[in-house]
Amino acid sequence: MRTFRDAKMMAKTLRVELLERKQTEISHSEALEIVSRQFGHDNWNVMAAKTEQLSGIDGDGGSGAAVTTIPVLRIFDVEQAKTFYVDFLGCRLDFGGPSDGQDGPFYGQVTRSGSTFHLTETGYVASPGATIGIWTAQLDRLHDELNEKRTRMDVWGPGIWVPWPEDAPWARVMTISDPFGNSFRFMEPHDLKTQPTPRW
């Protein structure tokens, strides 16, 4: 009997069956969304996070205690930040609003899989220009997902594209910048057995 740990294999099987039986082609990400709903989750990001929790994958090496490092990133426009982080990167907005509870600058949190970021309009909390390194197991799939989304939304303007992954001595790397000068360095290990656990 299959469990939530088999979700990616189920998504692959679903794509093959739909193509063979109904001549209907769907993307891998669409199949993952369908499978996650079959397990009772709102979307794939929620299910992936739950799967990590239940598998004991966390920041302390798997002992069960929740230890997370959360980068705080400077933003200058809340709607533009939501377009980039939620619509484009596929993060979930966990919370967000005026930092003083009234009409102060925005402070919020976004999450995707095992990565969490705080976003702030408050200048003294964080300066723009941070670089965040994120390990991932499927860099090509992430590139295709983001490149397809780029054509449907105005993230940076029509002249900007999602760069192809490049080889570095320690990993394959793809760097993407948000509209505020912060960069995300997505890294796929050459050897999953000897590198940190992928978090995206």
N, C-alpha and C. Protein backbone atom coordinates (compact mmCIF):
# COMPACT_ATOMS: atom_id res chain seq x y z
N MET A 1 0.85 -1.20 0.00
CA MET A 1 0.00 0.00 0.00
C MET A 1 0.88 1.25 0.00
N ARG A 2 0.56 2.20 -0.85
CA ARG A 2 1.37 3.42 -0.96
C ARG A 2 0.99 4.43 0.12
N THR A 3 2.00 5.20 0.56
CA THR A 3 1.79 6.25 1.56
C THR A 3 2.24 7.57 0.96
N PHE A 4 2.22 8.63 1.79
CA PHE A 4 2.63 9.96 1.32
C PHE A 4 4.07 9.97 0.83
N ARG A 5 4.90 9.03 1.31
CA ARG A 5 6.30 8.99 0.87
C ARG A 5 6.43 8.57 -0.59
N ASP A 6 5.36 8.00 -1.16
CA ASP A 6 5.37 7.56 -2.56
C ASP A 6 4.76 8.59 -3.50
N ALA A 7 4.54 9.81 -3.02
CA ALA A 7 3.79 10.81 -3.79
C ALA A 7 4.41 11.11 -5.15
N LYS A 8 5.73 11.23 -5.22
CA LYS A 8 6.37 11.56 -6.50
C LYS A 8 6.21 10.43 -7.51
N MET A 9 6.31 9.19 -7.04
CA MET A 9 6.10 8.05 -7.93
C MET A 9 4.65 8.00 -8.40
N MET A 10 3.72 8.33 -7.49
CA MET A 10 2.30 8.36 -7.86
C MET A 10 2.03 9.42 -8.91
N ALA A 11 2.69 10.59 -8.78
CA ALA A 11 2.52 11.66 -9.76
C ALA A 11 3.04 11.23 -11.13
N LYS A 12 4.17 10.54 -11.14
CA LYS A 12 4.73 10.05 -12.40
C LYS A 12 3.79 9.03 -13.04
N THR A 13 3.26 8.11 -12.23
CA THR A 13 2.32 7.10 -12.74
C THR A 13 1.06 7.76 -13.29
N LEU A 14 0.56 8.78 -12.58
CA LEU A 14 -0.64 9.50 -13.03
C LEU A 14 -0.42 10.13 -14.40
N ARG A 15 0.73 10.76 -14.60
CA ARG A 15 1.02 11.38 -15.89
C ARG A 15 1.05 10.36 -17.02
N VAL A 16 1.70 9.23 -16.76
CA VAL A 16 1.80 8.17 -17.78
C VAL A 16 0.42 7.62 -18.12
N GLU A 17 -0.39 7.35 -17.09
CA GLU A 17 -1.72 6.76 -17.32
C GLU A 17 -2.63 7.72 -18.08
N LEU A 18 -2.60 9.01 -17.71
CA LEU A 18 -3.43 9.99 -18.41
C LEU A 18 -3.04 10.10 -19.88
N LEU A 19 -1.74 10.05 -20.13
CA LEU A 19 -1.27 10.16 -21.51
C LEU A 19 -1.67 8.93 -22.32
N GLU A 20 -1.51 7.74 -21.72
CA GLU A 20 -1.80 6.50 -22.45
C GLU A 20 -3.31 6.28 -22.62
N ARG A 21 -4.09 6.55 -21.58
CA ARG A 21 -5.52 6.23 -21.62
C ARG A 21 -6.37 7.33 -22.25
N LYS A 22 -6.02 8.58 -21.97
CA LYS A 22 -6.87 9.70 -22.40
C LYS A 22 -6.17 10.67 -23.34
N GLN A 23 -4.91 10.38 -23.69
CA GLN A 23 -4.11 11.27 -24.53
C GLN A 23 -4.10 12.70 -23.96
N THR A 24 -4.03 12.77 -22.64
CA THR A 24 -3.99 14.04 -21.93
C THR A 24 -2.64 14.18 -21.24
N GLU A 25 -1.95 15.28 -21.54
CA GLU A 25 -0.64 15.49 -20.96
C GLU A 25 -0.71 16.60 -19.91
N ILE A 26 -0.19 16.30 -18.73
CA ILE A 26 -0.11 17.31 -17.68
C ILE A 26 1.34 17.38 -17.22
N SER A 27 1.72 18.51 -16.60
CA SER A 27 3.09 18.68 -16.13
C SER A 27 3.31 17.90 -14.84
N HIS A 28 4.56 17.71 -14.49
CA HIS A 28 4.89 17.00 -13.26
C HIS A 28 4.33 17.76 -12.05
N SER A 29 4.45 19.10 -12.07
CA SER A 29 3.95 19.89 -10.94
C SER A 29 2.43 19.79 -10.82
N GLU A 30 1.71 19.73 -11.94
CA GLU A 30 0.26 19.55 -11.89
C GLU A 30 -0.10 18.19 -11.29
N ALA A 31 0.66 17.17 -11.66
CA ALA A 31 0.42 15.83 -11.11
C ALA A 31 0.67 15.80 -9.61
N LEU A 32 1.72 16.50 -9.16
CA LEU A 32 2.01 16.56 -7.73
C LEU A 32 0.89 17.26 -6.96
N GLU A 33 0.32 18.30 -7.56
CA GLU A 33 -0.80 18.99 -6.90
C GLU A 33 -2.01 18.06 -6.75
N ILE A 34 -2.30 17.27 -7.79
CA ILE A 34 -3.43 16.34 -7.74
C ILE A 34 -3.20 15.27 -6.67
N VAL A 35 -2.00 14.71 -6.64
CA VAL A 35 -1.68 13.68 -5.65
C VAL A 35 -1.77 14.24 -4.24
N SER A 36 -1.28 15.46 -4.04
CA SER A 36 -1.34 16.05 -2.70
C SER A 36 -2.78 16.22 -2.24
N ARG A 37 -3.68 16.58 -3.16
CA ARG A 37 -5.10 16.71 -2.79
C ARG A 37 -5.71 15.35 -2.45
N GLN A 38 -5.22 14.29 -3.11
CA GLN A 38 -5.70 12.95 -2.79
C GLN A 38 -5.32 12.56 -1.36
N PHE A 39 -4.23 13.10 -0.86
CA PHE A 39 -3.82 12.83 0.51
C PHE A 39 -4.43 13.83 1.50
N GLY A 40 -5.29 14.73 1.00
CA GLY A 40 -5.99 15.66 1.88
C GLY A 40 -5.28 16.96 2.17
N HIS A 41 -4.25 17.31 1.37
CA HIS A 41 -3.53 18.56 1.57
C HIS A 41 -3.97 19.59 0.54
N ASP A 42 -3.84 20.87 0.88
CA ASP A 42 -4.26 21.94 -0.02
C ASP A 42 -3.42 22.00 -1.28
N ASN A 43 -2.11 21.75 -1.14
CA ASN A 43 -1.23 21.81 -2.30
C ASN A 43 0.04 21.03 -2.01
N TRP A 44 0.92 20.96 -3.03
CA TRP A 44 2.14 20.16 -2.90
C TRP A 44 3.08 20.72 -1.86
N ASN A 45 3.18 22.06 -1.74
CA ASN A 45 4.09 22.65 -0.76
C ASN A 45 3.74 22.22 0.66
N VAL A 46 2.44 22.22 0.96
CA VAL A 46 1.99 21.81 2.29
C VAL A 46 2.34 20.34 2.52
N MET A 47 2.06 19.51 1.52
CA MET A 47 2.33 18.07 1.68
C MET A 47 3.82 17.79 1.82
N ALA A 48 4.65 18.49 1.03
CA ALA A 48 6.10 18.28 1.11
C ALA A 48 6.62 18.64 2.49
N ALA A 49 6.10 19.74 3.06
CA ALA A 49 6.52 20.13 4.41
C ALA A 49 6.10 19.09 5.44
N LYS A 50 4.88 18.59 5.32
CA LYS A 50 4.39 17.54 6.24
C LYS A 50 5.21 16.27 6.09
N THR A 51 5.56 15.93 4.85
CA THR A 51 6.35 14.72 4.60
C THR A 51 7.70 14.83 5.28
N GLU A 52 8.34 16.00 5.19
CA GLU A 52 9.62 16.19 5.85
C GLU A 52 9.50 16.06 7.36
N GLN A 53 8.44 16.65 7.92
CA GLN A 53 8.25 16.56 9.37
C GLN A 53 8.07 15.12 9.81
N LEU A 54 7.24 14.38 9.08
CA LEU A 54 6.97 12.99 9.45
C LEU A 54 8.16 12.08 9.19
N SER A 55 9.05 12.50 8.28
CA SER A 55 10.22 11.68 7.97
C SER A 55 11.39 11.98 8.91
N GLY A 56 11.21 12.97 9.80
CA GLY A 56 12.27 13.31 10.73
C GLY A 56 13.37 14.14 10.12
N ILE A 57 13.11 14.79 8.99
CA ILE A 57 14.12 15.65 8.36
C ILE A 57 13.95 17.04 8.91
N ASP A 58 14.89 17.47 9.75
CA ASP A 58 14.80 18.80 10.30
C ASP A 58 16.19 19.35 10.52
N GLY A 59 16.27 20.55 11.04
CA GLY A 59 17.54 21.24 11.12
C GLY A 59 18.51 20.71 12.14
N ASP A 60 18.12 19.78 13.01
CA ASP A 60 19.06 19.28 14.02
C ASP A 60 19.60 17.91 13.66
N GLY A 61 19.45 17.50 12.39
CA GLY A 61 19.98 16.22 11.97
C GLY A 61 19.03 15.08 12.18
N GLY A 62 17.78 15.35 12.50
CA GLY A 62 16.79 14.28 12.57
C GLY A 62 16.43 13.85 13.96
N SER A 63 16.82 14.60 15.00
CA SER A 63 16.51 14.17 16.36
C SER A 63 15.07 14.43 16.73
N GLY A 64 14.37 15.25 15.94
CA GLY A 64 12.96 15.50 16.21
C GLY A 64 12.68 16.90 16.70
N ALA A 65 13.68 17.59 17.24
CA ALA A 65 13.46 18.96 17.69
C ALA A 65 13.45 19.90 16.50
N ALA A 66 12.54 20.86 16.51
CA ALA A 66 12.43 21.79 15.39
C ALA A 66 13.44 22.91 15.55
N VAL A 67 14.52 22.85 14.79
CA VAL A 67 15.54 23.90 14.80
C VAL A 67 15.65 24.44 13.38
N THR A 68 15.35 25.72 13.20
CA THR A 68 15.35 26.30 11.87
C THR A 68 16.06 27.64 11.89
N THR A 69 16.91 27.87 10.89
CA THR A 69 17.52 29.17 10.69
C THR A 69 16.66 29.91 9.67
N ILE A 70 16.21 31.11 10.02
CA ILE A 70 15.30 31.85 9.14
C ILE A 70 15.96 33.17 8.73
N PRO A 71 16.38 33.29 7.47
CA PRO A 71 16.93 34.56 6.98
C PRO A 71 15.84 35.64 6.96
N VAL A 72 16.22 36.86 7.30
CA VAL A 72 15.33 38.01 7.24
C VAL A 72 15.76 38.86 6.04
N LEU A 73 14.85 39.04 5.08
CA LEU A 73 15.17 39.72 3.83
C LEU A 73 14.43 41.05 3.72
N ARG A 74 15.14 42.06 3.26
CA ARG A 74 14.57 43.41 3.09
C ARG A 74 13.77 43.47 1.81
N ILE A 75 12.54 44.02 1.89
CA ILE A 75 11.71 44.27 0.72
C ILE A 75 11.29 45.74 0.73
N PHE A 76 10.83 46.23 -0.43
CA PHE A 76 10.42 47.63 -0.53
C PHE A 76 8.98 47.80 -1.00
N ASP A 77 8.35 46.72 -1.45
CA ASP A 77 7.00 46.78 -1.98
C ASP A 77 6.31 45.45 -1.67
N VAL A 78 5.26 45.48 -0.88
CA VAL A 78 4.60 44.26 -0.40
C VAL A 78 3.99 43.48 -1.56
N GLU A 79 3.27 44.15 -2.46
CA GLU A 79 2.62 43.44 -3.56
C GLU A 79 3.65 42.82 -4.50
N GLN A 80 4.73 43.54 -4.76
CA GLN A 80 5.79 43.00 -5.61
C GLN A 80 6.45 41.79 -4.93
N ALA A 81 6.61 41.87 -3.62
CA ALA A 81 7.19 40.76 -2.87
C ALA A 81 6.27 39.53 -2.94
N LYS A 82 4.97 39.73 -2.81
CA LYS A 82 4.03 38.60 -2.90
C LYS A 82 4.05 37.99 -4.30
N THR A 83 4.15 38.84 -5.32
CA THR A 83 4.23 38.31 -6.69
C THR A 83 5.46 37.42 -6.84
N PHE A 84 6.61 37.87 -6.34
CA PHE A 84 7.84 37.10 -6.49
C PHE A 84 7.83 35.84 -5.62
N TYR A 85 7.57 36.01 -4.33
CA TYR A 85 7.72 34.89 -3.40
C TYR A 85 6.57 33.88 -3.45
N VAL A 86 5.34 34.37 -3.57
CA VAL A 86 4.19 33.47 -3.54
C VAL A 86 3.84 32.98 -4.95
N ASP A 87 3.59 33.91 -5.87
CA ASP A 87 3.16 33.52 -7.22
C ASP A 87 4.29 32.90 -8.03
N PHE A 88 5.50 33.47 -7.95
CA PHE A 88 6.61 33.00 -8.78
C PHE A 88 7.37 31.84 -8.13
N LEU A 89 7.92 32.06 -6.94
CA LEU A 89 8.69 30.99 -6.30
C LEU A 89 7.81 29.86 -5.77
N GLY A 90 6.52 30.12 -5.57
CA GLY A 90 5.63 29.06 -5.08
C GLY A 90 5.64 28.89 -3.58
N CYS A 91 6.05 29.92 -2.85
CA CYS A 91 6.03 29.86 -1.39
C CYS A 91 4.61 30.07 -0.87
N ARG A 92 4.39 29.67 0.36
CA ARG A 92 3.13 29.91 1.06
C ARG A 92 3.34 31.12 1.97
N LEU A 93 2.40 32.07 1.98
CA LEU A 93 2.47 33.20 2.91
C LEU A 93 1.88 32.73 4.23
N ASP A 94 2.74 32.52 5.24
CA ASP A 94 2.29 32.02 6.53
C ASP A 94 1.61 33.11 7.35
N PHE A 95 2.21 34.29 7.33
CA PHE A 95 1.61 35.44 8.00
C PHE A 95 2.25 36.69 7.43
N GLY A 96 1.62 37.83 7.66
CA GLY A 96 2.18 39.08 7.18
C GLY A 96 1.25 40.24 7.41
N GLY A 97 1.82 41.37 7.79
CA GLY A 97 1.03 42.56 8.03
C GLY A 97 1.89 43.62 8.69
N PRO A 98 1.27 44.70 9.16
CA PRO A 98 2.02 45.76 9.83
C PRO A 98 2.77 45.21 11.05
N SER A 99 4.03 45.54 11.19
CA SER A 99 4.83 44.99 12.27
C SER A 99 4.38 45.47 13.65
N ASP A 100 3.68 46.61 13.69
CA ASP A 100 3.19 47.10 14.98
C ASP A 100 1.71 46.78 15.19
N GLY A 101 1.11 46.02 14.25
CA GLY A 101 -0.29 45.65 14.37
C GLY A 101 -1.26 46.72 13.93
N GLN A 102 -0.75 47.90 13.49
CA GLN A 102 -1.63 48.99 13.09
C GLN A 102 -1.33 49.41 11.66
N ASP A 103 -0.45 50.37 11.48
CA ASP A 103 -0.13 50.84 10.13
C ASP A 103 1.37 50.91 9.89
N GLY A 104 2.13 50.14 10.62
CA GLY A 104 3.59 50.15 10.50
C GLY A 104 4.06 49.38 9.28
N PRO A 105 5.37 49.27 9.11
CA PRO A 105 5.93 48.55 7.96
C PRO A 105 5.61 47.06 8.02
N PHE A 106 5.55 46.45 6.84
CA PHE A 106 5.19 45.03 6.71
C PHE A 106 6.27 44.13 7.31
N TYR A 107 5.82 43.06 7.97
CA TYR A 107 6.70 41.97 8.40
C TYR A 107 5.93 40.68 8.20
N GLY A 108 6.54 39.71 7.50
CA GLY A 108 5.82 38.47 7.23
C GLY A 108 6.75 37.29 7.04
N GLN A 109 6.14 36.12 6.86
CA GLN A 109 6.90 34.88 6.68
C GLN A 109 6.36 34.11 5.48
N VAL A 110 7.28 33.60 4.65
CA VAL A 110 6.92 32.72 3.54
C VAL A 110 7.70 31.42 3.68
N THR A 111 7.07 30.32 3.20
CA THR A 111 7.66 28.99 3.35
C THR A 111 7.43 28.18 2.09
N ARG A 112 8.44 27.42 1.69
CA ARG A 112 8.28 26.40 0.66
C ARG A 112 9.14 25.21 1.08
N SER A 113 8.53 24.04 1.17
CA SER A 113 9.22 22.82 1.60
C SER A 113 9.96 23.09 2.91
N GLY A 114 11.27 22.88 2.93
CA GLY A 114 12.03 23.07 4.16
C GLY A 114 12.67 24.43 4.30
N SER A 115 12.28 25.40 3.49
CA SER A 115 12.89 26.74 3.53
C SER A 115 11.87 27.77 3.99
N THR A 116 12.29 28.60 4.94
CA THR A 116 11.44 29.65 5.49
C THR A 116 12.19 30.97 5.46
N PHE A 117 11.51 32.05 5.08
CA PHE A 117 12.11 33.37 5.02
C PHE A 117 11.18 34.38 5.69
N HIS A 118 11.77 35.35 6.37
CA HIS A 118 11.01 36.49 6.87
C HIS A 118 11.27 37.66 5.93
N LEU A 119 10.22 38.39 5.62
CA LEU A 119 10.30 39.55 4.73
C LEU A 119 9.94 40.79 5.53
N THR A 120 10.73 41.85 5.39
CA THR A 120 10.46 43.06 6.17
C THR A 120 10.67 44.32 5.35
N GLU A 121 9.81 45.31 5.61
CA GLU A 121 10.00 46.65 5.03
C GLU A 121 10.81 47.54 5.96
N THR A 122 11.08 47.06 7.17
CA THR A 122 11.80 47.87 8.16
C THR A 122 13.28 47.90 7.84
N GLY A 123 13.82 49.09 7.57
CA GLY A 123 15.19 49.23 7.12
C GLY A 123 16.24 48.76 8.11
N TYR A 124 16.02 48.97 9.41
CA TYR A 124 17.05 48.63 10.38
C TYR A 124 17.07 47.15 10.73
N VAL A 125 16.07 46.39 10.29
CA VAL A 125 16.04 44.95 10.58
C VAL A 125 16.95 44.18 9.63
N ALA A 126 16.93 44.54 8.35
CA ALA A 126 17.75 43.84 7.37
C ALA A 126 18.11 44.79 6.23
N SER A 127 19.28 44.60 5.65
CA SER A 127 19.69 45.39 4.50
C SER A 127 19.53 44.56 3.24
N PRO A 128 19.23 45.18 2.09
CA PRO A 128 19.11 44.42 0.84
C PRO A 128 20.47 43.91 0.39
N GLY A 129 20.45 42.88 -0.44
CA GLY A 129 21.68 42.36 -1.01
C GLY A 129 22.15 41.05 -0.40
N ALA A 130 21.29 40.35 0.33
CA ALA A 130 21.66 39.06 0.92
C ALA A 130 21.69 37.98 -0.17
N THR A 131 22.50 36.94 0.05
CA THR A 131 22.50 35.76 -0.82
C THR A 131 22.18 34.55 0.05
N ILE A 132 21.14 33.80 -0.34
CA ILE A 132 20.68 32.63 0.41
C ILE A 132 20.99 31.39 -0.41
N GLY A 133 21.70 30.44 0.18
CA GLY A 133 21.97 29.16 -0.48
C GLY A 133 20.94 28.13 -0.08
N ILE A 134 20.33 27.45 -1.07
CA ILE A 134 19.30 26.44 -0.80
C ILE A 134 19.63 25.17 -1.56
N TRP A 135 19.77 24.05 -0.86
CA TRP A 135 19.99 22.77 -1.51
C TRP A 135 18.68 22.25 -2.08
N THR A 136 18.73 21.71 -3.28
CA THR A 136 17.56 21.12 -3.91
C THR A 136 17.97 19.83 -4.63
N ALA A 137 17.02 18.91 -4.76
CA ALA A 137 17.32 17.63 -5.43
C ALA A 137 16.91 17.63 -6.89
N GLN A 138 16.15 18.66 -7.33
CA GLN A 138 15.62 18.66 -8.69
C GLN A 138 15.77 20.03 -9.32
N LEU A 139 17.00 20.40 -9.60
CA LEU A 139 17.29 21.74 -10.10
C LEU A 139 16.70 21.99 -11.49
N ASP A 140 16.78 21.00 -12.38
CA ASP A 140 16.23 21.18 -13.72
C ASP A 140 14.71 21.37 -13.68
N ARG A 141 14.03 20.60 -12.84
CA ARG A 141 12.58 20.74 -12.71
C ARG A 141 12.23 22.13 -12.16
N LEU A 142 13.01 22.61 -11.18
CA LEU A 142 12.77 23.94 -10.63
C LEU A 142 13.00 25.01 -11.70
N HIS A 143 14.06 24.86 -12.51
CA HIS A 143 14.32 25.80 -13.59
C HIS A 143 13.13 25.85 -14.55
N ASP A 144 12.63 24.69 -14.96
CA ASP A 144 11.52 24.64 -15.90
C ASP A 144 10.26 25.27 -15.30
N GLU A 145 10.01 24.99 -14.03
CA GLU A 145 8.83 25.55 -13.35
C GLU A 145 8.88 27.07 -13.31
N LEU A 146 10.02 27.62 -12.91
CA LEU A 146 10.15 29.07 -12.79
C LEU A 146 10.20 29.75 -14.14
N ASN A 147 10.84 29.12 -15.12
CA ASN A 147 10.92 29.72 -16.45
C ASN A 147 9.54 29.78 -17.10
N GLU A 148 8.71 28.77 -16.85
CA GLU A 148 7.35 28.77 -17.39
C GLU A 148 6.51 29.85 -16.71
N LYS A 149 6.65 30.00 -15.40
CA LYS A 149 5.90 31.02 -14.67
C LYS A 149 6.32 32.42 -15.10
N ARG A 150 7.60 32.61 -15.40
CA ARG A 150 8.12 33.92 -15.77
C ARG A 150 7.37 34.52 -16.96
N THR A 151 6.94 33.63 -17.88
CA THR A 151 6.26 34.13 -19.07
C THR A 151 4.83 34.59 -18.77
N ARG A 152 4.30 34.21 -17.60
CA ARG A 152 2.91 34.54 -17.27
C ARG A 152 2.77 35.68 -16.27
N MET A 153 3.86 36.15 -15.70
CA MET A 153 3.75 37.21 -14.71
C MET A 153 4.90 38.19 -14.83
N ASP A 154 4.65 39.40 -14.42
CA ASP A 154 5.65 40.46 -14.52
C ASP A 154 6.45 40.50 -13.23
N VAL A 155 7.54 39.73 -13.20
CA VAL A 155 8.38 39.70 -12.02
C VAL A 155 9.48 40.74 -12.12
N TRP A 156 10.26 40.69 -13.21
CA TRP A 156 11.34 41.65 -13.41
C TRP A 156 11.17 42.48 -14.68
N GLY A 157 10.33 42.07 -15.59
CA GLY A 157 10.21 42.72 -16.88
C GLY A 157 10.52 41.72 -17.98
N PRO A 158 10.18 42.04 -19.22
CA PRO A 158 10.29 41.08 -20.32
C PRO A 158 11.71 40.70 -20.71
N GLY A 159 12.70 41.50 -20.32
CA GLY A 159 14.06 41.21 -20.76
C GLY A 159 14.83 40.26 -19.85
N ILE A 160 14.22 39.78 -18.77
CA ILE A 160 14.90 38.93 -17.81
C ILE A 160 14.39 37.50 -17.94
N TRP A 161 15.28 36.54 -17.83
CA TRP A 161 14.89 35.13 -17.90
C TRP A 161 15.48 34.39 -16.71
N VAL A 162 15.04 33.15 -16.54
CA VAL A 162 15.58 32.30 -15.48
C VAL A 162 16.84 31.63 -16.04
N PRO A 163 18.00 31.85 -15.43
CA PRO A 163 19.25 31.32 -16.00
C PRO A 163 19.31 29.80 -15.92
N TRP A 164 20.02 29.20 -16.85
CA TRP A 164 20.25 27.76 -16.83
C TRP A 164 21.18 27.42 -15.68
N PRO A 165 21.01 26.24 -15.06
CA PRO A 165 21.95 25.80 -14.02
C PRO A 165 23.36 25.67 -14.60
N GLU A 166 24.35 26.00 -13.77
CA GLU A 166 25.75 25.90 -14.16
C GLU A 166 26.48 24.95 -13.22
N ASP A 167 27.54 24.33 -13.73
CA ASP A 167 28.34 23.42 -12.91
C ASP A 167 29.36 24.20 -12.09
N ALA A 168 29.39 23.88 -10.78
CA ALA A 168 30.42 24.38 -9.88
C ALA A 168 31.09 23.16 -9.26
N PRO A 169 32.27 23.30 -8.67
CA PRO A 169 32.96 22.14 -8.10
C PRO A 169 32.14 21.39 -7.05
N TRP A 170 31.29 22.10 -6.30
CA TRP A 170 30.56 21.46 -5.21
C TRP A 170 29.13 21.08 -5.58
N ALA A 171 28.60 21.62 -6.70
CA ALA A 171 27.19 21.37 -7.04
C ALA A 171 26.87 22.01 -8.39
N ARG A 172 25.66 21.71 -8.89
CA ARG A 172 25.09 22.48 -10.00
C ARG A 172 24.35 23.64 -9.35
N VAL A 173 24.47 24.83 -9.94
CA VAL A 173 23.99 26.05 -9.28
C VAL A 173 23.13 26.88 -10.23
N MET A 174 22.03 27.43 -9.70
CA MET A 174 21.20 28.39 -10.43
C MET A 174 20.89 29.54 -9.48
N THR A 175 21.26 30.75 -9.87
CA THR A 175 21.06 31.92 -9.02
C THR A 175 19.97 32.82 -9.59
N ILE A 176 19.02 33.18 -8.74
CA ILE A 176 17.90 34.04 -9.12
C ILE A 176 17.80 35.17 -8.09
N SER A 177 17.60 36.39 -8.56
CA SER A 177 17.48 37.54 -7.65
C SER A 177 16.04 37.98 -7.55
N ASP A 178 15.64 38.42 -6.35
CA ASP A 178 14.31 38.98 -6.18
C ASP A 178 14.34 40.44 -6.64
N PRO A 179 13.19 41.12 -6.69
CA PRO A 179 13.18 42.51 -7.18
C PRO A 179 13.86 43.51 -6.25
N PHE A 180 14.37 43.05 -5.09
CA PHE A 180 14.91 43.97 -4.09
C PHE A 180 16.42 43.81 -3.88
N GLY A 181 17.07 42.97 -4.72
CA GLY A 181 18.51 42.81 -4.63
C GLY A 181 18.98 41.61 -3.83
N ASN A 182 18.06 40.80 -3.33
CA ASN A 182 18.43 39.57 -2.62
C ASN A 182 18.54 38.43 -3.63
N SER A 183 19.51 37.55 -3.45
CA SER A 183 19.73 36.46 -4.40
C SER A 183 19.51 35.10 -3.75
N PHE A 184 18.97 34.17 -4.55
CA PHE A 184 18.77 32.79 -4.12
C PHE A 184 19.67 31.90 -4.95
N ARG A 185 20.57 31.21 -4.29
CA ARG A 185 21.49 30.30 -4.97
C ARG A 185 20.99 28.87 -4.75
N PHE A 186 20.23 28.35 -5.74
CA PHE A 186 19.71 26.99 -5.66
C PHE A 186 20.82 26.03 -6.09
N MET A 187 21.11 25.01 -5.27
CA MET A 187 22.24 24.13 -5.50
C MET A 187 21.80 22.67 -5.46
N GLU A 188 22.14 21.93 -6.50
CA GLU A 188 21.86 20.49 -6.54
C GLU A 188 23.17 19.75 -6.32
N PRO A 189 23.28 18.98 -5.24
CA PRO A 189 24.54 18.27 -4.95
C PRO A 189 24.92 17.31 -6.06
N HIS A 190 26.22 17.15 -6.30
CA HIS A 190 26.67 16.14 -7.26
C HIS A 190 26.42 14.75 -6.70
N ASP A 191 26.51 14.61 -5.37
CA ASP A 191 26.29 13.32 -4.72
C ASP A 191 25.39 13.53 -3.52
N LEU A 192 24.14 13.08 -3.63
CA LEU A 192 23.16 13.29 -2.55
C LEU A 192 23.57 12.59 -1.26
N LYS A 193 24.43 11.57 -1.34
CA LYS A 193 24.81 10.82 -0.15
C LYS A 193 25.81 11.58 0.72
N THR A 194 26.57 12.49 0.12
CA THR A 194 27.62 13.18 0.87
C THR A 194 27.33 14.65 1.08
N GLN A 195 26.21 15.15 0.57
CA GLN A 195 25.88 16.56 0.70
C GLN A 195 24.70 16.76 1.65
N PRO A 196 24.46 18.00 2.10
CA PRO A 196 23.34 18.28 2.99
C PRO A 196 22.01 17.85 2.36
N THR A 197 21.03 17.60 3.22
CA THR A 197 19.71 17.20 2.77
C THR A 197 19.07 18.31 1.94
N PRO A 198 18.59 18.02 0.73
CA PRO A 198 17.89 19.04 -0.06
C PRO A 198 16.67 19.57 0.69
N ARG A 199 16.47 20.89 0.62
CA ARG A 199 15.42 21.54 1.38
C ARG A 199 14.36 22.20 0.49
N TRP A 200 14.43 22.05 -0.83
CA TRP A 200 13.49 22.76 -1.71
C TRP A 200 12.92 21.79 -2.72
